[in-house]
Amino acid sequence: MAIRTLREAAGLKQYELAELMDLEPASVSAWESGQAYPSVKNLMKLADILHCSTDALLGRERVSA
């Protein structure tokens, strides 16, 4: 998943993204490390926050940082 790349490109820290998502920072960390995956609901919210498509988050589109 390209969450880390997109988060960093947006200038957000893990804890800041977690706050915007109303989640614990550990959730964002787990997504970025591949230990867990966001639900469809959270994937859609991430796309809105990071101004990208869900395909980009899933690595199905090229991500430019």
C-alpha atoms as a PDB file:
ATOM      1  CA  MET A   1       0.000   0.000   0.000  1.00  0.00           C
ATOM      2  CA  ALA A   2       1.131   3.511  -0.743  1.00  0.00           C
ATOM      3  CA  ILE A   3      -0.338   5.119   2.365  1.00  0.00           C
ATOM      4  CA  ARG A   4       3.000   6.249   3.785  1.00  0.00           C
ATOM      5  CA  THR A   5       4.114   7.869   0.527  1.00  0.00           C
ATOM      6  CA  LEU A   6       0.800   9.687   0.115  1.00  0.00           C
ATOM      7  CA  ARG A   7       0.689  10.725   3.788  1.00  0.00           C
ATOM      8  CA  GLU A   8       4.195  12.153   3.610  1.00  0.00           C
ATOM      9  CA  ALA A   9       3.410  13.937   0.334  1.00  0.00           C
ATOM     10  CA  ALA A  10       0.453  15.547   2.115  1.00  0.00           C
ATOM     11  CA  GLY A  11       2.813  16.752   4.870  1.00  0.00           C
ATOM     12  CA  LEU A  12       1.096  14.737   7.585  1.00  0.00           C
ATOM     13  CA  LYS A  13       2.611  12.825  10.485  1.00  0.00           C
ATOM     14  CA  GLN A  14       1.114   9.451  11.408  1.00  0.00           C
ATOM     15  CA  TYR A  15      -0.562  10.883  14.488  1.00  0.00           C
ATOM     16  CA  GLU A  16      -2.058  13.752  12.461  1.00  0.00           C
ATOM     17  CA  LEU A  17      -3.573  11.369   9.924  1.00  0.00           C
ATOM     18  CA  ALA A  18      -4.868   9.222  12.778  1.00  0.00           C
ATOM     19  CA  GLU A  19      -6.571  12.260  14.331  1.00  0.00           C
ATOM     20  CA  LEU A  20      -8.208  13.159  11.015  1.00  0.00           C
ATOM     21  CA  MET A  21      -9.382   9.549  10.713  1.00  0.00           C
ATOM     22  CA  ASP A  22     -10.560   9.447  14.362  1.00  0.00           C
ATOM     23  CA  LEU A  23      -8.309   6.437  14.986  1.00  0.00           C
ATOM     24  CA  GLU A  24      -5.314   5.530  17.115  1.00  0.00           C
ATOM     25  CA  PRO A  25      -1.895   6.213  15.560  1.00  0.00           C
ATOM     26  CA  ALA A  26      -1.148   2.486  15.866  1.00  0.00           C
ATOM     27  CA  SER A  27      -3.749   1.824  13.162  1.00  0.00           C
ATOM     28  CA  VAL A  28      -1.952   4.057  10.657  1.00  0.00           C
ATOM     29  CA  SER A  29       1.376   2.487  11.615  1.00  0.00           C
ATOM     30  CA  ALA A  30      -0.033  -1.015  11.075  1.00  0.00           C
ATOM     31  CA  TRP A  31      -1.389  -0.057   7.639  1.00  0.00           C
ATOM     32  CA  GLU A  32       1.932   1.419   6.594  1.00  0.00           C
ATOM     33  CA  SER A  33       3.902  -1.621   7.764  1.00  0.00           C
ATOM     34  CA  GLY A  34       1.518  -4.090   6.123  1.00  0.00           C
ATOM     35  CA  GLN A  35       0.478  -5.639   9.438  1.00  0.00           C
ATOM     36  CA  ALA A  36      -3.146  -4.614   8.867  1.00  0.00           C
ATOM     37  CA  TYR A  37      -5.300  -3.148   6.125  1.00  0.00           C
ATOM     38  CA  PRO A  38      -7.870  -0.352   6.315  1.00  0.00           C
ATOM     39  CA  SER A  39     -11.523  -1.234   5.977  1.00  0.00           C
ATOM     40  CA  VAL A  40     -13.318  -0.106   2.841  1.00  0.00           C
ATOM     41  CA  LYS A  41     -14.871   2.730   4.861  1.00  0.00           C
ATOM     42  CA  ASN A  42     -11.447   3.862   6.097  1.00  0.00           C
ATOM     43  CA  LEU A  43      -9.931   3.453   2.638  1.00  0.00           C
ATOM     44  CA  MET A  44     -12.518   5.829   1.215  1.00  0.00           C
ATOM     45  CA  LYS A  45     -11.906   8.314   4.039  1.00  0.00           C
ATOM     46  CA  LEU A  46      -8.144   8.096   3.462  1.00  0.00           C
ATOM     47  CA  ALA A  47      -8.632   8.853  -0.230  1.00  0.00           C
ATOM     48  CA  ASP A  48     -10.634  11.961   0.654  1.00  0.00           C
ATOM     49  CA  ILE A  49      -8.086  13.180   3.209  1.00  0.00           C
ATOM     50  CA  LEU A  50      -5.058  12.470   1.016  1.00  0.00           C
ATOM     51  CA  HIS A  51      -6.742  13.742  -2.177  1.00  0.00           C
ATOM     52  CA  CYS A  52      -6.140  10.579  -4.161  1.00  0.00           C
ATOM     53  CA  SER A  53      -8.006   7.576  -5.481  1.00  0.00           C
ATOM     54  CA  THR A  54      -8.491   4.329  -3.612  1.00  0.00           C
ATOM     55  CA  ASP A  55      -6.528   2.697  -6.439  1.00  0.00           C
ATOM     56  CA  ALA A  56      -3.539   4.896  -5.575  1.00  0.00           C
ATOM     57  CA  LEU A  57      -3.792   3.843  -1.931  1.00  0.00           C
ATOM     58  CA  LEU A  58      -3.868   0.197  -2.985  1.00  0.00           C
ATOM     59  CA  GLY A  59      -0.849   0.616  -5.226  1.00  0.00           C
ATOM     60  CA  ARG A  60      -2.856   0.134  -8.425  1.00  0.00           C
ATOM     61  CA  GLU A  61      -1.850   3.555  -9.727  1.00  0.00           C
ATOM     62  CA  ARG A  62       1.551   5.122  -9.886  1.00  0.00           C
ATOM     63  CA  VAL A  63       2.123   7.366  -6.869  1.00  0.00           C
ATOM     64  CA  SER A  64       4.348  10.395  -7.201  1.00  0.00           C
ATOM     65  CA  ALA A  65       5.630  11.977  -4.033  1.00  0.00           C
END
